[in-house]
Amino acid sequence: ALQTHPTITLISEEVRERDVPLSEIVDIIARTIIER
């Protein structure tokens, strides 16, 4: 990700640290796609 700058990058450790459920991950990606 640091070398290429993709649109969205998921980091497993951040998901665990923030306790982000699957539904929220999906929602964040979906809303980002809609806005773009």
PDB file of all heavy atoms in Angstrom:
ATOM      1  N   ALA A   1       0.834  -1.205   0.000  1.00  0.00           N
ATOM      2  CA  ALA A   1       0.000   0.000   0.000  1.00  0.00           C
ATOM      3  C   ALA A   1       0.870   1.257   0.000  1.00  0.00           C
ATOM      4  O   ALA A   1       0.580   2.233  -0.718  1.00  0.00           O
ATOM      5  CB  ALA A   1      -0.920  -0.004   1.215  1.00  0.00           C
ATOM      6  N   LEU A   2       1.944   1.242   0.783  1.00  0.00           N
ATOM      7  CA  LEU A   2       2.842   2.402   0.837  1.00  0.00           C
ATOM      8  C   LEU A   2       3.532   2.631  -0.510  1.00  0.00           C
ATOM      9  O   LEU A   2       3.826   3.775  -0.876  1.00  0.00           O
ATOM     10  CB  LEU A   2       3.889   2.203   1.936  1.00  0.00           C
ATOM     11  CG  LEU A   2       3.360   2.250   3.378  1.00  0.00           C
ATOM     12  CD1 LEU A   2       4.438   1.812   4.361  1.00  0.00           C
ATOM     13  CD2 LEU A   2       2.858   3.649   3.725  1.00  0.00           C
ATOM     14  N   GLN A   3       3.769   1.551  -1.247  1.00  0.00           N
ATOM     15  CA  GLN A   3       4.441   1.671  -2.537  1.00  0.00           C
ATOM     16  C   GLN A   3       3.498   2.065  -3.670  1.00  0.00           C
ATOM     17  O   GLN A   3       3.934   2.616  -4.682  1.00  0.00           O
ATOM     18  CB  GLN A   3       5.134   0.351  -2.889  1.00  0.00           C
ATOM     19  CG  GLN A   3       6.323   0.013  -2.003  1.00  0.00           C
ATOM     20  CD  GLN A   3       7.095  -1.197  -2.502  1.00  0.00           C
ATOM     21  OE1 GLN A   3       7.208  -1.415  -3.707  1.00  0.00           O
ATOM     22  NE2 GLN A   3       7.630  -1.990  -1.592  1.00  0.00           N
ATOM     23  N   THR A   4       2.201   1.766  -3.523  1.00  0.00           N
ATOM     24  CA  THR A   4       1.283   1.937  -4.665  1.00  0.00           C
ATOM     25  C   THR A   4       0.126   2.900  -4.431  1.00  0.00           C
ATOM     26  O   THR A   4      -0.472   3.370  -5.391  1.00  0.00           O
ATOM     27  CB  THR A   4       0.689   0.572  -5.061  1.00  0.00           C
ATOM     28  OG1 THR A   4      -0.034   0.031  -3.941  1.00  0.00           O
ATOM     29  CG2 THR A   4       1.785  -0.401  -5.473  1.00  0.00           C
ATOM     30  N   HIS A   5      -0.244   3.174  -3.178  1.00  0.00           N
ATOM     31  CA  HIS A   5      -1.366   4.056  -2.844  1.00  0.00           C
ATOM     32  C   HIS A   5      -2.688   3.594  -3.471  1.00  0.00           C
ATOM     33  O   HIS A   5      -3.280   4.308  -4.299  1.00  0.00           O
ATOM     34  CB  HIS A   5      -1.062   5.492  -3.269  1.00  0.00           C
ATOM     35  CG  HIS A   5       0.081   6.106  -2.531  1.00  0.00           C
ATOM     36  ND1 HIS A   5       0.417   7.436  -2.629  1.00  0.00           N
ATOM     37  CD2 HIS A   5       0.990   5.568  -1.677  1.00  0.00           C
ATOM     38  CE1 HIS A   5       1.471   7.691  -1.880  1.00  0.00           C
ATOM     39  NE2 HIS A   5       1.836   6.566  -1.290  1.00  0.00           N
ATOM     40  N   PRO A   6      -3.185   2.412  -3.093  1.00  0.00           N
ATOM     41  CA  PRO A   6      -4.473   1.943  -3.605  1.00  0.00           C
ATOM     42  C   PRO A   6      -5.630   2.753  -3.020  1.00  0.00           C
ATOM     43  O   PRO A   6      -5.419   3.575  -2.112  1.00  0.00           O
ATOM     44  CB  PRO A   6      -4.523   0.485  -3.131  1.00  0.00           C
ATOM     45  CG  PRO A   6      -3.695   0.475  -1.889  1.00  0.00           C
ATOM     46  CD  PRO A   6      -2.592   1.462  -2.132  1.00  0.00           C
ATOM     47  N   THR A   7      -6.824   2.499  -3.509  1.00  0.00           N
ATOM     48  CA  THR A   7      -7.991   3.254  -3.057  1.00  0.00           C
ATOM     49  C   THR A   7      -8.310   2.954  -1.601  1.00  0.00           C
ATOM     50  O   THR A   7      -8.552   3.866  -0.797  1.00  0.00           O
ATOM     51  CB  THR A   7      -9.213   2.903  -3.933  1.00  0.00           C
ATOM     52  OG1 THR A   7      -8.811   2.815  -5.297  1.00  0.00           O
ATOM     53  CG2 THR A   7     -10.304   3.945  -3.781  1.00  0.00           C
ATOM     54  N   ILE A   8      -8.355   1.684  -1.243  1.00  0.00           N
ATOM     55  CA  ILE A   8      -8.656   1.261   0.124  1.00  0.00           C
ATOM     56  C   ILE A   8      -7.695   0.140   0.513  1.00  0.00           C
ATOM     57  O   ILE A   8      -7.433  -0.761  -0.287  1.00  0.00           O
ATOM     58  CB  ILE A   8     -10.113   0.740   0.259  1.00  0.00           C
ATOM     59  CG1 ILE A   8     -11.117   1.848  -0.074  1.00  0.00           C
ATOM     60  CG2 ILE A   8     -10.369   0.193   1.653  1.00  0.00           C
ATOM     61  CD1 ILE A   8     -12.561   1.363  -0.132  1.00  0.00           C
ATOM     62  N   THR A   9      -7.173   0.201   1.725  1.00  0.00           N
ATOM     63  CA  THR A   9      -6.333  -0.868   2.253  1.00  0.00           C
ATOM     64  C   THR A   9      -6.863  -1.286   3.616  1.00  0.00           C
ATOM     65  O   THR A   9      -7.025  -0.439   4.504  1.00  0.00           O
ATOM     66  CB  THR A   9      -4.867  -0.414   2.412  1.00  0.00           C
ATOM     67  OG1 THR A   9      -4.362   0.014   1.153  1.00  0.00           O
ATOM     68  CG2 THR A   9      -4.003  -1.562   2.929  1.00  0.00           C
ATOM     69  N   LEU A  10      -7.139  -2.556   3.765  1.00  0.00           N
ATOM     70  CA  LEU A  10      -7.572  -3.088   5.054  1.00  0.00           C
ATOM     71  C   LEU A  10      -6.355  -3.627   5.799  1.00  0.00           C
ATOM     72  O   LEU A  10      -5.543  -4.341   5.225  1.00  0.00           O
ATOM     73  CB  LEU A  10      -8.595  -4.206   4.854  1.00  0.00           C
ATOM     74  CG  LEU A  10      -9.877  -3.814   4.103  1.00  0.00           C
ATOM     75  CD1 LEU A  10     -10.768  -5.034   3.910  1.00  0.00           C
ATOM     76  CD2 LEU A  10     -10.637  -2.728   4.860  1.00  0.00           C
ATOM     77  N   ILE A  11      -6.234  -3.278   7.077  1.00  0.00           N
ATOM     78  CA  ILE A  11      -5.141  -3.749   7.914  1.00  0.00           C
ATOM     79  C   ILE A  11      -5.735  -4.584   9.050  1.00  0.00           C
ATOM     80  O   ILE A  11      -6.505  -4.066   9.871  1.00  0.00           O
ATOM     81  CB  ILE A  11      -4.312  -2.574   8.475  1.00  0.00           C
ATOM     82  CG1 ILE A  11      -3.726  -1.745   7.331  1.00  0.00           C
ATOM     83  CG2 ILE A  11      -3.214  -3.075   9.401  1.00  0.00           C
ATOM     84  CD1 ILE A  11      -2.756  -2.499   6.437  1.00  0.00           C
ATOM     85  N   SER A  12      -5.379  -5.863   9.084  1.00  0.00           N
ATOM     86  CA  SER A  12      -5.987  -6.785  10.050  1.00  0.00           C
ATOM     87  C   SER A  12      -5.825  -6.312  11.483  1.00  0.00           C
ATOM     88  O   SER A  12      -6.770  -6.345  12.286  1.00  0.00           O
ATOM     89  CB  SER A  12      -5.358  -8.177   9.908  1.00  0.00           C
ATOM     90  OG  SER A  12      -5.537  -8.690   8.618  1.00  0.00           O
ATOM     91  N   GLU A  13      -4.610  -5.868  11.828  1.00  0.00           N
ATOM     92  CA  GLU A  13      -4.339  -5.454  13.201  1.00  0.00           C
ATOM     93  C   GLU A  13      -5.192  -4.250  13.607  1.00  0.00           C
ATOM     94  O   GLU A  13      -5.614  -4.129  14.764  1.00  0.00           O
ATOM     95  CB  GLU A  13      -2.850  -5.120  13.353  1.00  0.00           C
ATOM     96  CG  GLU A  13      -1.920  -6.316  13.232  1.00  0.00           C
ATOM     97  CD  GLU A  13      -1.614  -6.725  11.798  1.00  0.00           C
ATOM     98  OE1 GLU A  13      -2.215  -6.166  10.857  1.00  0.00           O
ATOM     99  OE2 GLU A  13      -0.753  -7.599  11.606  1.00  0.00           O
ATOM    100  N   GLU A  14      -5.473  -3.360  12.650  1.00  0.00           N
ATOM    101  CA  GLU A  14      -6.321  -2.195  12.940  1.00  0.00           C
ATOM    102  C   GLU A  14      -7.768  -2.634  13.143  1.00  0.00           C
ATOM    103  O   GLU A  14      -8.472  -2.093  14.010  1.00  0.00           O
ATOM    104  CB  GLU A  14      -6.225  -1.195  11.795  1.00  0.00           C
ATOM    105  CG  GLU A  14      -6.935   0.112  12.071  1.00  0.00           C
ATOM    106  CD  GLU A  14      -6.740   1.135  10.963  1.00  0.00           C
ATOM    107  OE1 GLU A  14      -6.097   0.814   9.953  1.00  0.00           O
ATOM    108  OE2 GLU A  14      -7.245   2.260  11.121  1.00  0.00           O
ATOM    109  N   VAL A  15      -8.208  -3.607  12.356  1.00  0.00           N
ATOM    110  CA  VAL A  15      -9.563  -4.148  12.519  1.00  0.00           C
ATOM    111  C   VAL A  15      -9.737  -4.716  13.916  1.00  0.00           C
ATOM    112  O   VAL A  15     -10.750  -4.489  14.587  1.00  0.00           O
ATOM    113  CB  VAL A  15      -9.839  -5.231  11.446  1.00  0.00           C
ATOM    114  CG1 VAL A  15     -11.124  -5.998  11.771  1.00  0.00           C
ATOM    115  CG2 VAL A  15      -9.941  -4.595  10.069  1.00  0.00           C
ATOM    116  N   ARG A  16      -8.732  -5.459  14.376  1.00  0.00           N
ATOM    117  CA  ARG A  16      -8.816  -6.043  15.728  1.00  0.00           C
ATOM    118  C   ARG A  16      -8.732  -4.967  16.802  1.00  0.00           C
ATOM    119  O   ARG A  16      -9.495  -4.997  17.778  1.00  0.00           O
ATOM    120  CB  ARG A  16      -7.687  -7.052  15.925  1.00  0.00           C
ATOM    121  CG  ARG A  16      -7.674  -7.678  17.321  1.00  0.00           C
ATOM    122  CD  ARG A  16      -6.657  -8.787  17.432  1.00  0.00           C
ATOM    123  NE  ARG A  16      -5.306  -8.305  17.171  1.00  0.00           N
ATOM    124  CZ  ARG A  16      -4.241  -9.108  17.043  1.00  0.00           C
ATOM    125  NH1 ARG A  16      -4.399 -10.422  17.136  1.00  0.00           N
ATOM    126  NH2 ARG A  16      -3.048  -8.607  16.794  1.00  0.00           N
ATOM    127  N   GLU A  17      -7.812  -4.006  16.625  1.00  0.00           N
ATOM    128  CA  GLU A  17      -7.624  -2.950  17.621  1.00  0.00           C
ATOM    129  C   GLU A  17      -8.903  -2.131  17.807  1.00  0.00           C
ATOM    130  O   GLU A  17      -9.268  -1.774  18.931  1.00  0.00           O
ATOM    131  CB  GLU A  17      -6.475  -2.043  17.184  1.00  0.00           C
ATOM    132  CG  GLU A  17      -6.160  -0.919  18.146  1.00  0.00           C
ATOM    133  CD  GLU A  17      -5.562  -1.394  19.460  1.00  0.00           C
ATOM    134  OE1 GLU A  17      -4.979  -2.504  19.486  1.00  0.00           O
ATOM    135  OE2 GLU A  17      -5.675  -0.656  20.460  1.00  0.00           O
ATOM    136  N   ARG A  18      -9.595  -1.856  16.701  1.00  0.00           N
ATOM    137  CA  ARG A  18     -10.812  -1.032  16.760  1.00  0.00           C
ATOM    138  C   ARG A  18     -12.078  -1.869  16.911  1.00  0.00           C
ATOM    139  O   ARG A  18     -13.176  -1.307  16.989  1.00  0.00           O
ATOM    140  CB  ARG A  18     -10.912  -0.170  15.496  1.00  0.00           C
ATOM    141  CG  ARG A  18      -9.747   0.809  15.334  1.00  0.00           C
ATOM    142  CD  ARG A  18      -9.990   1.743  14.167  1.00  0.00           C
ATOM    143  NE  ARG A  18      -8.898   2.672  13.961  1.00  0.00           N
ATOM    144  CZ  ARG A  18      -8.906   3.660  13.082  1.00  0.00           C
ATOM    145  NH1 ARG A  18      -9.977   3.858  12.323  1.00  0.00           N
ATOM    146  NH2 ARG A  18      -7.864   4.469  12.964  1.00  0.00           N
ATOM    147  N   ASP A  19     -11.896  -3.189  16.911  1.00  0.00           N
ATOM    148  CA  ASP A  19     -13.029  -4.099  17.079  1.00  0.00           C
ATOM    149  C   ASP A  19     -14.110  -3.835  16.023  1.00  0.00           C
ATOM    150  O   ASP A  19     -15.303  -3.690  16.321  1.00  0.00           O
ATOM    151  CB  ASP A  19     -13.625  -3.947  18.487  1.00  0.00           C
ATOM    152  CG  ASP A  19     -14.401  -5.188  18.916  1.00  0.00           C
ATOM    153  OD1 ASP A  19     -14.074  -6.290  18.439  1.00  0.00           O
ATOM    154  OD2 ASP A  19     -15.353  -5.050  19.716  1.00  0.00           O
ATOM    155  N   VAL A  20     -13.679  -3.774  14.747  1.00  0.00           N
ATOM    156  CA  VAL A  20     -14.593  -3.451  13.645  1.00  0.00           C
ATOM    157  C   VAL A  20     -15.256  -4.729  13.128  1.00  0.00           C
ATOM    158  O   VAL A  20     -14.574  -5.627  12.639  1.00  0.00           O
ATOM    159  CB  VAL A  20     -13.835  -2.768  12.483  1.00  0.00           C
ATOM    160  CG1 VAL A  20     -14.813  -2.323  11.403  1.00  0.00           C
ATOM    161  CG2 VAL A  20     -13.028  -1.581  12.989  1.00  0.00           C
ATOM    162  N   PRO A  21     -16.580  -4.843  13.212  1.00  0.00           N
ATOM    163  CA  PRO A  21     -17.270  -6.039  12.715  1.00  0.00           C
ATOM    164  C   PRO A  21     -17.305  -6.073  11.191  1.00  0.00           C
ATOM    165  O   PRO A  21     -17.075  -5.050  10.526  1.00  0.00           O
ATOM    166  CB  PRO A  21     -18.681  -5.907  13.298  1.00  0.00           C
ATOM    167  CG  PRO A  21     -18.875  -4.441  13.474  1.00  0.00           C
ATOM    168  CD  PRO A  21     -17.522  -3.879  13.822  1.00  0.00           C
ATOM    169  N   LEU A  22     -17.605  -7.240  10.644  1.00  0.00           N
ATOM    170  CA  LEU A  22     -17.659  -7.408   9.193  1.00  0.00           C
ATOM    171  C   LEU A  22     -18.650  -6.445   8.552  1.00  0.00           C
ATOM    172  O   LEU A  22     -18.364  -5.849   7.507  1.00  0.00           O
ATOM    173  CB  LEU A  22     -18.023  -8.851   8.852  1.00  0.00           C
ATOM    174  CG  LEU A  22     -18.179  -9.175   7.366  1.00  0.00           C
ATOM    175  CD1 LEU A  22     -16.868  -8.956   6.627  1.00  0.00           C
ATOM    176  CD2 LEU A  22     -18.653 -10.614   7.181  1.00  0.00           C
ATOM    177  N   SER A  23     -19.823  -6.269   9.171  1.00  0.00           N
ATOM    178  CA  SER A  23     -20.852  -5.393   8.599  1.00  0.00           C
ATOM    179  C   SER A  23     -20.351  -3.966   8.438  1.00  0.00           C
ATOM    180  O   SER A  23     -20.660  -3.282   7.455  1.00  0.00           O
ATOM    181  CB  SER A  23     -22.101  -5.408   9.487  1.00  0.00           C
ATOM    182  OG  SER A  23     -21.775  -4.990  10.807  1.00  0.00           O
ATOM    183  N   GLU A  24     -19.531  -3.499   9.405  1.00  0.00           N
ATOM    184  CA  GLU A  24     -19.011  -2.134   9.328  1.00  0.00           C
ATOM    185  C   GLU A  24     -17.942  -2.019   8.246  1.00  0.00           C
ATOM    186  O   GLU A  24     -17.868  -1.001   7.537  1.00  0.00           O
ATOM    187  CB  GLU A  24     -18.442  -1.714  10.685  1.00  0.00           C
ATOM    188  CG  GLU A  24     -18.032  -0.249  10.728  1.00  0.00           C
ATOM    189  CD  GLU A  24     -17.589   0.185  12.108  1.00  0.00           C
ATOM    190  OE1 GLU A  24     -18.005  -0.453  13.110  1.00  0.00           O
ATOM    191  OE2 GLU A  24     -16.826   1.167  12.195  1.00  0.00           O
ATOM    192  N   ILE A  25     -17.114  -3.059   8.108  1.00  0.00           N
ATOM    193  CA  ILE A  25     -16.093  -3.057   7.044  1.00  0.00           C
ATOM    194  C   ILE A  25     -16.777  -2.954   5.687  1.00  0.00           C
ATOM    195  O   ILE A  25     -16.386  -2.151   4.831  1.00  0.00           O
ATOM    196  CB  ILE A  25     -15.240  -4.331   7.118  1.00  0.00           C
ATOM    197  CG1 ILE A  25     -14.403  -4.349   8.401  1.00  0.00           C
ATOM    198  CG2 ILE A  25     -14.319  -4.444   5.895  1.00  0.00           C
ATOM    199  CD1 ILE A  25     -13.673  -5.660   8.635  1.00  0.00           C
ATOM    200  N   VAL A  26     -17.793  -3.772   5.502  1.00  0.00           N
ATOM    201  CA  VAL A  26     -18.542  -3.782   4.240  1.00  0.00           C
ATOM    202  C   VAL A  26     -19.200  -2.429   3.994  1.00  0.00           C
ATOM    203  O   VAL A  26     -19.174  -1.894   2.877  1.00  0.00           O
ATOM    204  CB  VAL A  26     -19.597  -4.909   4.260  1.00  0.00           C
ATOM    205  CG1 VAL A  26     -20.536  -4.793   3.058  1.00  0.00           C
ATOM    206  CG2 VAL A  26     -18.915  -6.278   4.264  1.00  0.00           C
ATOM    207  N   ASP A  27     -19.770  -1.845   5.037  1.00  0.00           N
ATOM    208  CA  ASP A  27     -20.459  -0.563   4.904  1.00  0.00           C
ATOM    209  C   ASP A  27     -19.484   0.548   4.519  1.00  0.00           C
ATOM    210  O   ASP A  27     -19.792   1.386   3.652  1.00  0.00           O
ATOM    211  CB  ASP A  27     -21.154  -0.217   6.226  1.00  0.00           C
ATOM    212  CG  ASP A  27     -22.085   0.975   6.087  1.00  0.00           C
ATOM    213  OD1 ASP A  27     -23.119   0.850   5.394  1.00  0.00           O
ATOM    214  OD2 ASP A  27     -21.760   2.042   6.648  1.00  0.00           O
ATOM    215  N   ILE A  28     -18.309   0.562   5.130  1.00  0.00           N
ATOM    216  CA  ILE A  28     -17.306   1.586   4.821  1.00  0.00           C
ATOM    217  C   ILE A  28     -16.881   1.491   3.356  1.00  0.00           C
ATOM    218  O   ILE A  28     -16.790   2.508   2.650  1.00  0.00           O
ATOM    219  CB  ILE A  28     -16.078   1.436   5.741  1.00  0.00           C
ATOM    220  CG1 ILE A  28     -16.446   1.808   7.185  1.00  0.00           C
ATOM    221  CG2 ILE A  28     -14.919   2.296   5.246  1.00  0.00           C
ATOM    222  CD1 ILE A  28     -15.369   1.477   8.198  1.00  0.00           C
ATOM    223  N   ILE A  29     -16.620   0.260   2.899  1.00  0.00           N
ATOM    224  CA  ILE A  29     -16.205   0.073   1.506  1.00  0.00           C
ATOM    225  C   ILE A  29     -17.322   0.491   0.555  1.00  0.00           C
ATOM    226  O   ILE A  29     -17.093   1.201  -0.432  1.00  0.00           O
ATOM    227  CB  ILE A  29     -15.808  -1.391   1.247  1.00  0.00           C
ATOM    228  CG1 ILE A  29     -14.574  -1.758   2.079  1.00  0.00           C
ATOM    229  CG2 ILE A  29     -15.514  -1.622  -0.245  1.00  0.00           C
ATOM    230  CD1 ILE A  29     -14.205  -3.236   2.006  1.00  0.00           C
ATOM    231  N   ALA A  30     -18.561   0.057   0.851  1.00  0.00           N
ATOM    232  CA  ALA A  30     -19.703   0.370  -0.015  1.00  0.00           C
ATOM    233  C   ALA A  30     -19.925   1.874  -0.124  1.00  0.00           C
ATOM    234  O   ALA A  30     -20.139   2.407  -1.222  1.00  0.00           O
ATOM    235  CB  ALA A  30     -20.955  -0.322   0.527  1.00  0.00           C
ATOM    236  N   ARG A  31     -19.879   2.580   0.997  1.00  0.00           N
ATOM    237  CA  ARG A  31     -20.111   4.036   0.982  1.00  0.00           C
ATOM    238  C   ARG A  31     -18.980   4.766   0.247  1.00  0.00           C
ATOM    239  O   ARG A  31     -19.224   5.776  -0.429  1.00  0.00           O
ATOM    240  CB  ARG A  31     -20.269   4.558   2.408  1.00  0.00           C
ATOM    241  CG  ARG A  31     -21.562   4.077   3.087  1.00  0.00           C
ATOM    242  CD  ARG A  31     -21.733   4.647   4.478  1.00  0.00           C
ATOM    243  NE  ARG A  31     -22.902   4.086   5.128  1.00  0.00           N
ATOM    244  CZ  ARG A  31     -24.168   4.505   4.947  1.00  0.00           C
ATOM    245  NH1 ARG A  31     -24.394   5.538   4.119  1.00  0.00           N
ATOM    246  NH2 ARG A  31     -25.168   3.941   5.576  1.00  0.00           N
ATOM    247  N   THR A  32     -17.768   4.270   0.383  1.00  0.00           N
ATOM    248  CA  THR A  32     -16.647   4.873  -0.341  1.00  0.00           C
ATOM    249  C   THR A  32     -16.846   4.733  -1.846  1.00  0.00           C
ATOM    250  O   THR A  32     -16.621   5.682  -2.616  1.00  0.00           O
ATOM    251  CB  THR A  32     -15.326   4.198   0.068  1.00  0.00           C
ATOM    252  OG1 THR A  32     -15.124   4.360   1.470  1.00  0.00           O
ATOM    253  CG2 THR A  32     -14.142   4.803  -0.682  1.00  0.00           C
ATOM    254  N   ILE A  33     -17.275   3.554  -2.275  1.00  0.00           N
ATOM    255  CA  ILE A  33     -17.510   3.298  -3.700  1.00  0.00           C
ATOM    256  C   ILE A  33     -18.634   4.192  -4.229  1.00  0.00           C
ATOM    257  O   ILE A  33     -18.528   4.763  -5.328  1.00  0.00           O
ATOM    258  CB  ILE A  33     -17.842   1.804  -3.917  1.00  0.00           C
ATOM    259  CG1 ILE A  33     -16.583   0.958  -3.661  1.00  0.00           C
ATOM    260  CG2 ILE A  33     -18.383   1.563  -5.334  1.00  0.00           C
ATOM    261  CD1 ILE A  33     -16.827  -0.538  -3.673  1.00  0.00           C
ATOM    262  N   ILE A  34     -19.687   4.348  -3.444  1.00  0.00           N
ATOM    263  CA  ILE A  34     -20.817   5.186  -3.858  1.00  0.00           C
ATOM    264  C   ILE A  34     -20.384   6.648  -3.999  1.00  0.00           C
ATOM    265  O   ILE A  34     -20.731   7.324  -4.988  1.00  0.00           O
ATOM    266  CB  ILE A  34     -21.984   5.060  -2.845  1.00  0.00           C
ATOM    267  CG1 ILE A  34     -22.613   3.663  -2.950  1.00  0.00           C
ATOM    268  CG2 ILE A  34     -23.042   6.132  -3.100  1.00  0.00           C
ATOM    269  CD1 ILE A  34     -23.611   3.362  -1.850  1.00  0.00           C
ATOM    270  N   GLU A  35     -19.625   7.144  -3.040  1.00  0.00           N
ATOM    271  CA  GLU A  35     -19.160   8.535  -3.084  1.00  0.00           C
ATOM    272  C   GLU A  35     -18.251   8.772  -4.288  1.00  0.00           C
ATOM    273  O   GLU A  35     -18.334   9.805  -4.963  1.00  0.00           O
ATOM    274  CB  GLU A  35     -18.430   8.891  -1.788  1.00  0.00           C
ATOM    275  CG  GLU A  35     -19.328   9.085  -0.588  1.00  0.00           C
ATOM    276  CD  GLU A  35     -20.368  10.174  -0.819  1.00  0.00           C
ATOM    277  OE1 GLU A  35     -19.983  11.286  -1.251  1.00  0.00           O
ATOM    278  OE2 GLU A  35     -21.571   9.905  -0.605  1.00  0.00           O
ATOM    279  N   ARG A  36     -17.371   7.809  -4.566  1.00  0.00           N
ATOM    280  CA  ARG A  36     -16.496   7.957  -5.730  1.00  0.00           C
ATOM    281  C   ARG A  36     -17.308   7.922  -7.026  1.00  0.00           C
ATOM    282  O   ARG A  36     -17.006   8.652  -7.981  1.00  0.00           O
ATOM    283  CB  ARG A  36     -15.433   6.848  -5.730  1.00  0.00           C
ATOM    284  CG  ARG A  36     -14.293   7.096  -4.761  1.00  0.00           C
ATOM    285  CD  ARG A  36     -13.315   5.931  -4.744  1.00  0.00           C
ATOM    286  NE  ARG A  36     -12.706   5.664  -6.038  1.00  0.00           N
ATOM    287  CZ  ARG A  36     -11.620   6.259  -6.515  1.00  0.00           C
ATOM    288  NH1 ARG A  36     -11.003   7.188  -5.780  1.00  0.00           N
ATOM    289  NH2 ARG A  36     -11.122   5.947  -7.700  1.00  0.00           N
TER     290      ARG A  36
END
